[in-house]
Amino acid sequence: MDAVHTIDYILDPNSPIEEAIITEGLRHELGDDGVLTLTLDRAEVHNALTWKTRDALAEELVRASADTFVRAVVITGAGDRAFCAGADLRMPPPTAARPADAPERVHGDVARSVANGWQRVIASVLDCDKPVVAAVNGAAAGAGMHLALAADVVVMADTARLVPVFVRRGIVPDGGGAYLLTRLVGPHVAKRLYLFGDDVSAAEAQQLGLVLQVVPQAETLATALALARRLAAGPTRTLGATKRLINHALDVDRDTALAEEAWAQESIMTTADAQEGVQAFVQRRTPVFRGW
């Protein structure tokens, strides 16, 4: 089937049972802790994404924003060799019918494919209202590297590496890579990584500030899940608003940033979690956040 299955998550708060569904090479599991784990499940091809799996991932992230059962998201890859090798070029997306005398590729085809493809996936991570944690269990290459870097928190296996492979293929970075990497490490480091295209070890990625934690390979997912559970127990709407403010901070001027901050405060102070936080402070107890 081309479409992602629609899932109704009905969770018993007293049960540890998780829903687990596999669709188009993407495994998704929602636990009763509110953590949605999305596993790129194509280990035989280093978790390279077909257009179907890529679109399914974007749709899952959009759905997660609206799903009140979901309070944090973890993205990881199956197996122990790769997080994501980028696009599976052996399965190009279908093309629309065109006149018999039209060329195989017309002006705008490539730009449209990029915008509707990997750029859409990266935007779905950045725009997800829930915190996203990347568990980089192996090599993250090409657009797969950008998928990891778009996450709010990155945990990386000590054996993993980031692979900015584009220059080796004679192509420019896609999937919002130049936008992301420049904001994370500055223009000179971004140029070094992209112009030379050398692999970046987990240790160097942490040194550059791209990764929160580097852990033994076998502990990657468990560490990411522990961080996600901590985020899932937090004030979900507050975390989402904070994420948006930070993501916009380098794109707007001071007046706009301060206006966005003021309206975020206006919006969030009406939430139940914000009121719970204030009451817990007054009553000198630990707040219990519900996610709304």
C-alpha atoms as a PDB file:
ATOM      1  CA  MET A   1       0.000   0.000   0.000  1.00  0.00           C
ATOM      2  CA  ASP A   2       1.238   3.480  -0.804  1.00  0.00           C
ATOM      3  CA  ALA A   3      -0.448   5.189   2.118  1.00  0.00           C
ATOM      4  CA  VAL A   4       0.532   4.988   5.751  1.00  0.00           C
ATOM      5  CA  HIS A   5      -1.897   3.061   7.915  1.00  0.00           C
ATOM      6  CA  THR A   6      -3.949   5.267  10.201  1.00  0.00           C
ATOM      7  CA  ILE A   7      -3.471   4.171  13.804  1.00  0.00           C
ATOM      8  CA  ASP A   8      -5.731   4.853  16.752  1.00  0.00           C
ATOM      9  CA  TYR A   9      -3.548   4.658  19.848  1.00  0.00           C
ATOM     10  CA  ILE A  10      -5.710   3.388  22.687  1.00  0.00           C
ATOM     11  CA  LEU A  11      -3.456   3.069  25.705  1.00  0.00           C
ATOM     12  CA  ASP A  12      -4.282   1.610  29.078  1.00  0.00           C
ATOM     13  CA  PRO A  13      -2.293   3.687  31.612  1.00  0.00           C
ATOM     14  CA  ASN A  14      -1.907   0.575  33.759  1.00  0.00           C
ATOM     15  CA  SER A  15      -0.465  -1.540  30.961  1.00  0.00           C
ATOM     16  CA  PRO A  16       3.125  -1.535  29.633  1.00  0.00           C
ATOM     17  CA  ILE A  17       1.977  -2.857  26.255  1.00  0.00           C
ATOM     18  CA  GLU A  18       3.044  -0.812  23.238  1.00  0.00           C
ATOM     19  CA  GLU A  19       1.399  -0.511  19.843  1.00  0.00           C
ATOM     20  CA  ALA A  20       3.845  -1.608  17.122  1.00  0.00           C
ATOM     21  CA  ILE A  21       3.115  -1.170  13.421  1.00  0.00           C
ATOM     22  CA  ILE A  22       5.388  -1.565  10.382  1.00  0.00           C
ATOM     23  CA  THR A  23       4.536   0.432   7.281  1.00  0.00           C
ATOM     24  CA  GLU A  24       6.647   0.927   4.151  1.00  0.00           C
ATOM     25  CA  GLY A  25       9.953   0.169   5.886  1.00  0.00           C
ATOM     26  CA  LEU A  26       9.071   2.329   8.878  1.00  0.00           C
ATOM     27  CA  ARG A  27       8.323   0.768  12.254  1.00  0.00           C
ATOM     28  CA  HIS A  28       6.425   2.913  14.735  1.00  0.00           C
ATOM     29  CA  GLU A  29       5.800   2.104  18.375  1.00  0.00           C
ATOM     30  CA  LEU A  30       3.980   4.241  20.915  1.00  0.00           C
ATOM     31  CA  GLY A  31       4.550   3.360  24.539  1.00  0.00           C
ATOM     32  CA  ASP A  32       2.401   4.283  27.502  1.00  0.00           C
ATOM     33  CA  ASP A  33       5.157   6.722  28.484  1.00  0.00           C
ATOM     34  CA  GLY A  34       4.124   8.944  25.551  1.00  0.00           C
ATOM     35  CA  VAL A  35       7.283   8.245  23.540  1.00  0.00           C
ATOM     36  CA  LEU A  36       6.761   7.457  19.860  1.00  0.00           C
ATOM     37  CA  THR A  37       9.701   5.516  18.409  1.00  0.00           C
ATOM     38  CA  LEU A  38      10.087   5.661  14.631  1.00  0.00           C
ATOM     39  CA  THR A  39      12.564   3.064  13.357  1.00  0.00           C
ATOM     40  CA  LEU A  40      13.843   3.191   9.787  1.00  0.00           C
ATOM     41  CA  ASP A  41      13.505  -0.518   9.101  1.00  0.00           C
ATOM     42  CA  ARG A  42      15.558  -1.246   5.977  1.00  0.00           C
ATOM     43  CA  ALA A  43      18.797  -2.507   7.497  1.00  0.00           C
ATOM     44  CA  GLU A  44      19.638  -4.520   4.373  1.00  0.00           C
ATOM     45  CA  VAL A  45      20.203  -1.235   2.481  1.00  0.00           C
ATOM     46  CA  HIS A  46      21.613   0.751   5.430  1.00  0.00           C
ATOM     47  CA  ASN A  47      18.162   2.202   6.094  1.00  0.00           C
ATOM     48  CA  ALA A  48      18.158   4.222   2.876  1.00  0.00           C
ATOM     49  CA  LEU A  49      14.668   5.575   2.332  1.00  0.00           C
ATOM     50  CA  THR A  50      12.493   4.957  -0.675  1.00  0.00           C
ATOM     51  CA  TRP A  51      10.119   7.774  -1.547  1.00  0.00           C
ATOM     52  CA  LYS A  52       7.318   5.807   0.128  1.00  0.00           C
ATOM     53  CA  THR A  53       9.205   5.404   3.410  1.00  0.00           C
ATOM     54  CA  ARG A  54      10.375   9.013   3.273  1.00  0.00           C
ATOM     55  CA  ASP A  55       6.813  10.259   2.841  1.00  0.00           C
ATOM     56  CA  ALA A  56       5.573   7.912   5.572  1.00  0.00           C
ATOM     57  CA  LEU A  57       8.144   9.348   7.984  1.00  0.00           C
ATOM     58  CA  ALA A  58       7.050  12.913   7.239  1.00  0.00           C
ATOM     59  CA  GLU A  59       3.397  11.997   7.720  1.00  0.00           C
ATOM     60  CA  GLU A  60       4.135  10.273  11.040  1.00  0.00           C
ATOM     61  CA  LEU A  61       5.844  13.410  12.347  1.00  0.00           C
ATOM     62  CA  VAL A  62       2.952  15.604  11.259  1.00  0.00           C
ATOM     63  CA  ARG A  63       0.544  13.198  12.944  1.00  0.00           C
ATOM     64  CA  ALA A  64       2.647  13.184  16.107  1.00  0.00           C
ATOM     65  CA  SER A  65       2.218  16.942  16.443  1.00  0.00           C
ATOM     66  CA  ALA A  66      -1.545  16.586  16.713  1.00  0.00           C
ATOM     67  CA  ASP A  67      -1.663  13.338  18.698  1.00  0.00           C
ATOM     68  CA  THR A  68      -2.132  14.122  22.398  1.00  0.00           C
ATOM     69  CA  PHE A  69      -0.918  10.625  23.312  1.00  0.00           C
ATOM     70  CA  VAL A  70       2.481  11.474  21.806  1.00  0.00           C
ATOM     71  CA  ARG A  71       4.706  13.670  23.970  1.00  0.00           C
ATOM     72  CA  ALA A  72       8.165  12.966  22.508  1.00  0.00           C
ATOM     73  CA  VAL A  73       9.559  11.245  19.416  1.00  0.00           C
ATOM     74  CA  VAL A  74      12.659   9.091  18.903  1.00  0.00           C
ATOM     75  CA  ILE A  75      14.005   8.415  15.408  1.00  0.00           C
ATOM     76  CA  THR A  76      16.518   5.602  14.913  1.00  0.00           C
ATOM     77  CA  GLY A  77      17.646   3.004  12.387  1.00  0.00           C
ATOM     78  CA  ALA A  78      17.373  -0.774  12.413  1.00  0.00           C
ATOM     79  CA  GLY A  79      20.520  -2.840  12.885  1.00  0.00           C
ATOM     80  CA  ASP A  80      23.902  -1.651  14.095  1.00  0.00           C
ATOM     81  CA  ARG A  81      25.530  -0.428  10.884  1.00  0.00           C
ATOM     82  CA  ALA A  82      23.520   2.574   9.762  1.00  0.00           C
ATOM     83  CA  PHE A  83      21.136   5.213  11.021  1.00  0.00           C
ATOM     84  CA  CYS A  84      20.148   6.289   7.514  1.00  0.00           C
ATOM     85  CA  ALA A  85      22.044   6.254   4.215  1.00  0.00           C
ATOM     86  CA  GLY A  86      19.838   8.950   2.689  1.00  0.00           C
ATOM     87  CA  ALA A  87      17.726   8.308  -0.377  1.00  0.00           C
ATOM     88  CA  ASP A  88      17.358   4.918  -2.040  1.00  0.00           C
ATOM     89  CA  LEU A  89      17.945   6.078  -5.608  1.00  0.00           C
ATOM     90  CA  ARG A  90      17.010   2.686  -7.026  1.00  0.00           C
ATOM     91  CA  MET A  91      13.329   3.496  -6.427  1.00  0.00           C
ATOM     92  CA  PRO A  92      12.609   6.957  -7.850  1.00  0.00           C
ATOM     93  CA  PRO A  93       9.156   8.421  -7.230  1.00  0.00           C
ATOM     94  CA  PRO A  94       6.611   8.050 -10.035  1.00  0.00           C
ATOM     95  CA  THR A  95       6.333  10.858 -12.533  1.00  0.00           C
ATOM     96  CA  ALA A  96       3.157  12.392 -13.844  1.00  0.00           C
ATOM     97  CA  ALA A  97       1.994  11.620 -17.350  1.00  0.00           C
ATOM     98  CA  ARG A  98       3.144  14.127 -19.957  1.00  0.00           C
ATOM     99  CA  PRO A  99       2.698  14.721 -23.702  1.00  0.00           C
ATOM    100  CA  ALA A 100       4.470  12.248 -25.969  1.00  0.00           C
ATOM    101  CA  ASP A 101       6.784  14.933 -27.378  1.00  0.00           C
ATOM    102  CA  ALA A 102       7.721  16.379 -23.950  1.00  0.00           C
ATOM    103  CA  PRO A 103      11.284  15.863 -22.698  1.00  0.00           C
ATOM    104  CA  GLU A 104      11.962  13.318 -19.944  1.00  0.00           C
ATOM    105  CA  ARG A 105      12.727  16.174 -17.564  1.00  0.00           C
ATOM    106  CA  VAL A 106      11.212  19.642 -17.789  1.00  0.00           C
ATOM    107  CA  HIS A 107      12.199  22.824 -16.007  1.00  0.00           C
ATOM    108  CA  GLY A 108      11.148  22.723 -12.353  1.00  0.00           C
ATOM    109  CA  ASP A 109      11.039  18.941 -11.984  1.00  0.00           C
ATOM    110  CA  VAL A 110      14.175  18.674  -9.841  1.00  0.00           C
ATOM    111  CA  ALA A 111      13.338  21.639  -7.613  1.00  0.00           C
ATOM    112  CA  ARG A 112       9.814  20.328  -7.091  1.00  0.00           C
ATOM    113  CA  SER A 113      11.115  16.857  -6.248  1.00  0.00           C
ATOM    114  CA  VAL A 114      13.561  18.246  -3.672  1.00  0.00           C
ATOM    115  CA  ALA A 115      10.947  20.504  -2.076  1.00  0.00           C
ATOM    116  CA  ASN A 116       8.324  17.764  -1.821  1.00  0.00           C
ATOM    117  CA  GLY A 117      10.847  15.092  -0.824  1.00  0.00           C
ATOM    118  CA  TRP A 118      13.687  15.426   1.675  1.00  0.00           C
ATOM    119  CA  GLN A 119      13.020  19.096   2.393  1.00  0.00           C
ATOM    120  CA  ARG A 120       9.538  18.080   3.514  1.00  0.00           C
ATOM    121  CA  VAL A 121      10.968  15.419   5.831  1.00  0.00           C
ATOM    122  CA  ILE A 122      13.458  17.798   7.447  1.00  0.00           C
ATOM    123  CA  ALA A 123      10.770  20.454   7.850  1.00  0.00           C
ATOM    124  CA  SER A 124       8.491  17.894   9.520  1.00  0.00           C
ATOM    125  CA  VAL A 125      11.191  17.260  12.147  1.00  0.00           C
ATOM    126  CA  LEU A 126      11.857  20.962  12.711  1.00  0.00           C
ATOM    127  CA  ASP A 127       8.149  21.821  12.816  1.00  0.00           C
ATOM    128  CA  CYS A 128       7.028  18.891  14.975  1.00  0.00           C
ATOM    129  CA  ASP A 129       5.367  20.271  18.104  1.00  0.00           C
ATOM    130  CA  LYS A 130       6.898  17.459  20.162  1.00  0.00           C
ATOM    131  CA  PRO A 131      10.602  17.144  21.050  1.00  0.00           C
ATOM    132  CA  VAL A 132      12.460  14.874  18.611  1.00  0.00           C
ATOM    133  CA  VAL A 133      15.464  12.792  19.714  1.00  0.00           C
ATOM    134  CA  ALA A 134      17.719  11.137  17.136  1.00  0.00           C
ATOM    135  CA  ALA A 135      19.366   7.861  18.189  1.00  0.00           C
ATOM    136  CA  VAL A 136      22.173   7.692  15.622  1.00  0.00           C
ATOM    137  CA  ASN A 137      23.094   4.028  15.894  1.00  0.00           C
ATOM    138  CA  GLY A 138      25.344   3.918  12.820  1.00  0.00           C
ATOM    139  CA  ALA A 139      26.405   5.886   9.775  1.00  0.00           C
ATOM    140  CA  ALA A 140      24.234   8.880   8.898  1.00  0.00           C
ATOM    141  CA  ALA A 141      25.004   9.716   5.281  1.00  0.00           C
ATOM    142  CA  GLY A 142      23.781  12.395   2.917  1.00  0.00           C
ATOM    143  CA  ALA A 143      20.232  13.406   3.700  1.00  0.00           C
ATOM    144  CA  GLY A 144      20.341  10.865   6.521  1.00  0.00           C
ATOM    145  CA  MET A 145      22.902  13.115   8.219  1.00  0.00           C
ATOM    146  CA  HIS A 146      20.514  16.035   7.887  1.00  0.00           C
ATOM    147  CA  LEU A 147      17.692  13.952   9.343  1.00  0.00           C
ATOM    148  CA  ALA A 148      19.810  13.435  12.453  1.00  0.00           C
ATOM    149  CA  LEU A 149      20.903  17.071  12.686  1.00  0.00           C
ATOM    150  CA  ALA A 150      17.323  18.331  12.393  1.00  0.00           C
ATOM    151  CA  ALA A 151      16.423  16.600  15.665  1.00  0.00           C
ATOM    152  CA  ASP A 152      16.278  18.612  18.883  1.00  0.00           C
ATOM    153  CA  VAL A 153      18.551  16.187  20.738  1.00  0.00           C
ATOM    154  CA  VAL A 154      21.108  13.846  19.161  1.00  0.00           C
ATOM    155  CA  VAL A 155      22.569  10.733  20.786  1.00  0.00           C
ATOM    156  CA  MET A 156      25.287   9.038  18.761  1.00  0.00           C
ATOM    157  CA  ALA A 157      26.962   5.646  18.989  1.00  0.00           C
ATOM    158  CA  ASP A 158      30.727   5.836  19.454  1.00  0.00           C
ATOM    159  CA  THR A 159      31.124   3.741  16.296  1.00  0.00           C
ATOM    160  CA  ALA A 160      28.799   5.914  14.199  1.00  0.00           C
ATOM    161  CA  ARG A 161      29.796   8.698  11.845  1.00  0.00           C
ATOM    162  CA  LEU A 162      28.291  11.556   9.890  1.00  0.00           C
ATOM    163  CA  VAL A 163      28.972  11.339   6.161  1.00  0.00           C
ATOM    164  CA  PRO A 164      28.537  14.567   4.134  1.00  0.00           C
ATOM    165  CA  VAL A 165      28.847  12.580   0.931  1.00  0.00           C
ATOM    166  CA  PHE A 166      27.489  15.168  -1.514  1.00  0.00           C
ATOM    167  CA  VAL A 167      30.746  16.518  -2.940  1.00  0.00           C
ATOM    168  CA  ARG A 168      31.882  12.940  -3.610  1.00  0.00           C
ATOM    169  CA  ARG A 169      28.875  12.542  -5.913  1.00  0.00           C
ATOM    170  CA  GLY A 170      29.253  15.946  -7.548  1.00  0.00           C
ATOM    171  CA  ILE A 171      26.008  17.280  -6.087  1.00  0.00           C
ATOM    172  CA  VAL A 172      25.137  20.049  -3.648  1.00  0.00           C
ATOM    173  CA  PRO A 173      23.751  19.342  -0.167  1.00  0.00           C
ATOM    174  CA  ASP A 174      19.998  18.847  -0.107  1.00  0.00           C
ATOM    175  CA  GLY A 175      17.360  18.355   2.541  1.00  0.00           C
ATOM    176  CA  GLY A 176      18.055  21.743   4.126  1.00  0.00           C
ATOM    177  CA  GLY A 177      21.597  20.728   4.983  1.00  0.00           C
ATOM    178  CA  ALA A 178      23.350  24.051   4.387  1.00  0.00           C
ATOM    179  CA  TYR A 179      20.627  25.813   6.394  1.00  0.00           C
ATOM    180  CA  LEU A 180      20.959  23.396   9.303  1.00  0.00           C
ATOM    181  CA  LEU A 181      24.704  22.931   9.455  1.00  0.00           C
ATOM    182  CA  THR A 182      25.573  26.616   9.103  1.00  0.00           C
ATOM    183  CA  ARG A 183      23.348  27.468  12.065  1.00  0.00           C
ATOM    184  CA  LEU A 184      24.803  24.644  14.139  1.00  0.00           C
ATOM    185  CA  VAL A 185      28.533  25.140  13.541  1.00  0.00           C
ATOM    186  CA  GLY A 186      28.974  28.412  11.620  1.00  0.00           C
ATOM    187  CA  PRO A 187      29.868  29.006   7.968  1.00  0.00           C
ATOM    188  CA  HIS A 188      33.572  28.125   8.067  1.00  0.00           C
ATOM    189  CA  VAL A 189      33.109  24.727   9.671  1.00  0.00           C
ATOM    190  CA  ALA A 190      30.106  24.017   7.445  1.00  0.00           C
ATOM    191  CA  LYS A 191      32.219  24.796   4.389  1.00  0.00           C
ATOM    192  CA  ARG A 192      34.993  22.497   5.586  1.00  0.00           C
ATOM    193  CA  LEU A 193      32.595  19.620   6.108  1.00  0.00           C
ATOM    194  CA  TYR A 194      30.778  20.027   2.806  1.00  0.00           C
ATOM    195  CA  LEU A 195      33.658  21.075   0.532  1.00  0.00           C
ATOM    196  CA  PHE A 196      35.961  18.216   1.590  1.00  0.00           C
ATOM    197  CA  GLY A 197      33.247  15.680   2.341  1.00  0.00           C
ATOM    198  CA  ASP A 198      35.262  13.783   4.945  1.00  0.00           C
ATOM    199  CA  ASP A 199      33.539  11.521   7.445  1.00  0.00           C
ATOM    200  CA  VAL A 200      32.889  13.049  10.868  1.00  0.00           C
ATOM    201  CA  SER A 201      33.442  10.688  13.782  1.00  0.00           C
ATOM    202  CA  ALA A 202      31.118  10.649  16.774  1.00  0.00           C
ATOM    203  CA  ALA A 203      33.849  12.210  18.922  1.00  0.00           C
ATOM    204  CA  GLU A 204      34.345  15.092  16.462  1.00  0.00           C
ATOM    205  CA  ALA A 205      30.585  15.573  16.091  1.00  0.00           C
ATOM    206  CA  GLN A 206      30.318  15.983  19.852  1.00  0.00           C
ATOM    207  CA  GLN A 207      33.272  18.369  19.889  1.00  0.00           C
ATOM    208  CA  LEU A 208      31.529  20.483  17.232  1.00  0.00           C
ATOM    209  CA  GLY A 209      28.363  20.598  19.352  1.00  0.00           C
ATOM    210  CA  LEU A 210      26.307  18.501  16.933  1.00  0.00           C
ATOM    211  CA  VAL A 211      25.699  15.712  19.445  1.00  0.00           C
ATOM    212  CA  LEU A 212      24.548  15.797  23.063  1.00  0.00           C
ATOM    213  CA  GLN A 213      25.919  12.394  24.065  1.00  0.00           C
ATOM    214  CA  VAL A 214      28.213   9.759  22.569  1.00  0.00           C
ATOM    215  CA  VAL A 215      27.653   6.313  24.049  1.00  0.00           C
ATOM    216  CA  PRO A 216      28.612   2.697  23.310  1.00  0.00           C
ATOM    217  CA  GLN A 217      26.715   1.399  20.301  1.00  0.00           C
ATOM    218  CA  ALA A 218      24.601  -1.026  22.319  1.00  0.00           C
ATOM    219  CA  GLU A 219      23.406   1.812  24.577  1.00  0.00           C
ATOM    220  CA  THR A 220      22.372   4.272  21.870  1.00  0.00           C
ATOM    221  CA  LEU A 221      18.650   3.602  21.738  1.00  0.00           C
ATOM    222  CA  ALA A 222      18.290   3.118  25.494  1.00  0.00           C
ATOM    223  CA  THR A 223      20.015   6.451  26.141  1.00  0.00           C
ATOM    224  CA  ALA A 224      17.834   8.227  23.580  1.00  0.00           C
ATOM    225  CA  LEU A 225      14.680   6.677  25.054  1.00  0.00           C
ATOM    226  CA  ALA A 226      15.676   7.771  28.564  1.00  0.00           C
ATOM    227  CA  LEU A 227      16.087  11.363  27.358  1.00  0.00           C
ATOM    228  CA  ALA A 228      12.813  11.170  25.424  1.00  0.00           C
ATOM    229  CA  ARG A 229      10.956   9.909  28.503  1.00  0.00           C
ATOM    230  CA  ARG A 230      12.306  12.840  30.483  1.00  0.00           C
ATOM    231  CA  LEU A 231      11.041  15.210  27.782  1.00  0.00           C
ATOM    232  CA  ALA A 232       7.725  13.350  27.565  1.00  0.00           C
ATOM    233  CA  ALA A 233       7.168  13.960  31.269  1.00  0.00           C
ATOM    234  CA  GLY A 234       7.595  17.703  30.781  1.00  0.00           C
ATOM    235  CA  PRO A 235       5.122  20.437  29.842  1.00  0.00           C
ATOM    236  CA  THR A 236       4.597  19.416  26.225  1.00  0.00           C
ATOM    237  CA  ARG A 237       3.107  22.683  24.922  1.00  0.00           C
ATOM    238  CA  THR A 238       5.836  24.693  26.617  1.00  0.00           C
ATOM    239  CA  LEU A 239       8.524  22.521  25.030  1.00  0.00           C
ATOM    240  CA  GLY A 240       6.941  22.930  21.608  1.00  0.00           C
ATOM    241  CA  ALA A 241       6.749  26.710  21.939  1.00  0.00           C
ATOM    242  CA  THR A 242      10.341  26.880  23.180  1.00  0.00           C
ATOM    243  CA  LYS A 243      11.480  24.759  20.232  1.00  0.00           C
ATOM    244  CA  ARG A 244       9.779  27.134  17.780  1.00  0.00           C
ATOM    245  CA  LEU A 245      11.320  30.219  19.401  1.00  0.00           C
ATOM    246  CA  ILE A 246      14.817  28.728  19.202  1.00  0.00           C
ATOM    247  CA  ASN A 247      14.354  27.538  15.622  1.00  0.00           C
ATOM    248  CA  HIS A 248      13.232  31.027  14.563  1.00  0.00           C
ATOM    249  CA  ALA A 249      15.839  32.921  16.575  1.00  0.00           C
ATOM    250  CA  LEU A 250      18.500  33.107  13.854  1.00  0.00           C
ATOM    251  CA  ASP A 251      15.989  33.874  11.107  1.00  0.00           C
ATOM    252  CA  VAL A 252      14.294  37.003  12.469  1.00  0.00           C
ATOM    253  CA  ASP A 253      15.265  40.416  13.748  1.00  0.00           C
ATOM    254  CA  ARG A 254      15.149  41.408  17.415  1.00  0.00           C
ATOM    255  CA  ASP A 255      11.731  43.035  17.303  1.00  0.00           C
ATOM    256  CA  THR A 256      10.180  39.983  15.690  1.00  0.00           C
ATOM    257  CA  ALA A 257      11.915  37.621  18.121  1.00  0.00           C
ATOM    258  CA  LEU A 258      10.680  39.579  21.138  1.00  0.00           C
ATOM    259  CA  ALA A 259       7.153  39.769  19.732  1.00  0.00           C
ATOM    260  CA  GLU A 260       7.132  36.004  19.151  1.00  0.00           C
ATOM    261  CA  GLU A 261       8.380  35.465  22.700  1.00  0.00           C
ATOM    262  CA  ALA A 262       5.643  37.686  24.166  1.00  0.00           C
ATOM    263  CA  TRP A 263       2.887  35.901  22.261  1.00  0.00           C
ATOM    264  CA  ALA A 264       4.330  32.511  23.178  1.00  0.00           C
ATOM    265  CA  GLN A 265       4.109  33.544  26.825  1.00  0.00           C
ATOM    266  CA  GLU A 266       0.541  34.726  26.269  1.00  0.00           C
ATOM    267  CA  SER A 267      -0.394  31.379  24.732  1.00  0.00           C
ATOM    268  CA  ILE A 268       1.422  29.058  27.111  1.00  0.00           C
ATOM    269  CA  MET A 269       0.334  30.754  30.352  1.00  0.00           C
ATOM    270  CA  THR A 270      -3.234  29.627  29.609  1.00  0.00           C
ATOM    271  CA  THR A 271      -2.281  25.941  29.494  1.00  0.00           C
ATOM    272  CA  ALA A 272      -3.038  23.507  32.301  1.00  0.00           C
ATOM    273  CA  ASP A 273       0.638  22.558  32.573  1.00  0.00           C
ATOM    274  CA  ALA A 274       1.735  26.170  33.095  1.00  0.00           C
ATOM    275  CA  GLN A 275      -0.856  26.579  35.813  1.00  0.00           C
ATOM    276  CA  GLU A 276       0.278  23.298  37.378  1.00  0.00           C
ATOM    277  CA  GLY A 277       3.886  24.504  37.324  1.00  0.00           C
ATOM    278  CA  VAL A 278       3.003  27.709  39.175  1.00  0.00           C
ATOM    279  CA  GLN A 279       0.840  25.873  41.729  1.00  0.00           C
ATOM    280  CA  ALA A 280       3.577  23.291  42.328  1.00  0.00           C
ATOM    281  CA  PHE A 281       6.073  26.086  42.966  1.00  0.00           C
ATOM    282  CA  VAL A 282       3.763  27.785  45.456  1.00  0.00           C
ATOM    283  CA  GLN A 283       2.982  24.483  47.174  1.00  0.00           C
ATOM    284  CA  ARG A 284       6.643  23.410  47.142  1.00  0.00           C
ATOM    285  CA  ARG A 285       6.060  20.125  45.358  1.00  0.00           C
ATOM    286  CA  THR A 286       7.141  18.490  42.123  1.00  0.00           C
ATOM    287  CA  PRO A 287       4.796  19.395  39.251  1.00  0.00           C
ATOM    288  CA  VAL A 288       2.904  16.684  37.405  1.00  0.00           C
ATOM    289  CA  PHE A 289       2.548  17.719  33.772  1.00  0.00           C
ATOM    290  CA  ARG A 290      -0.159  16.182  31.586  1.00  0.00           C
ATOM    291  CA  GLY A 291       0.852  17.556  28.200  1.00  0.00           C
ATOM    292  CA  TRP A 292      -1.880  20.156  27.705  1.00  0.00           C
END
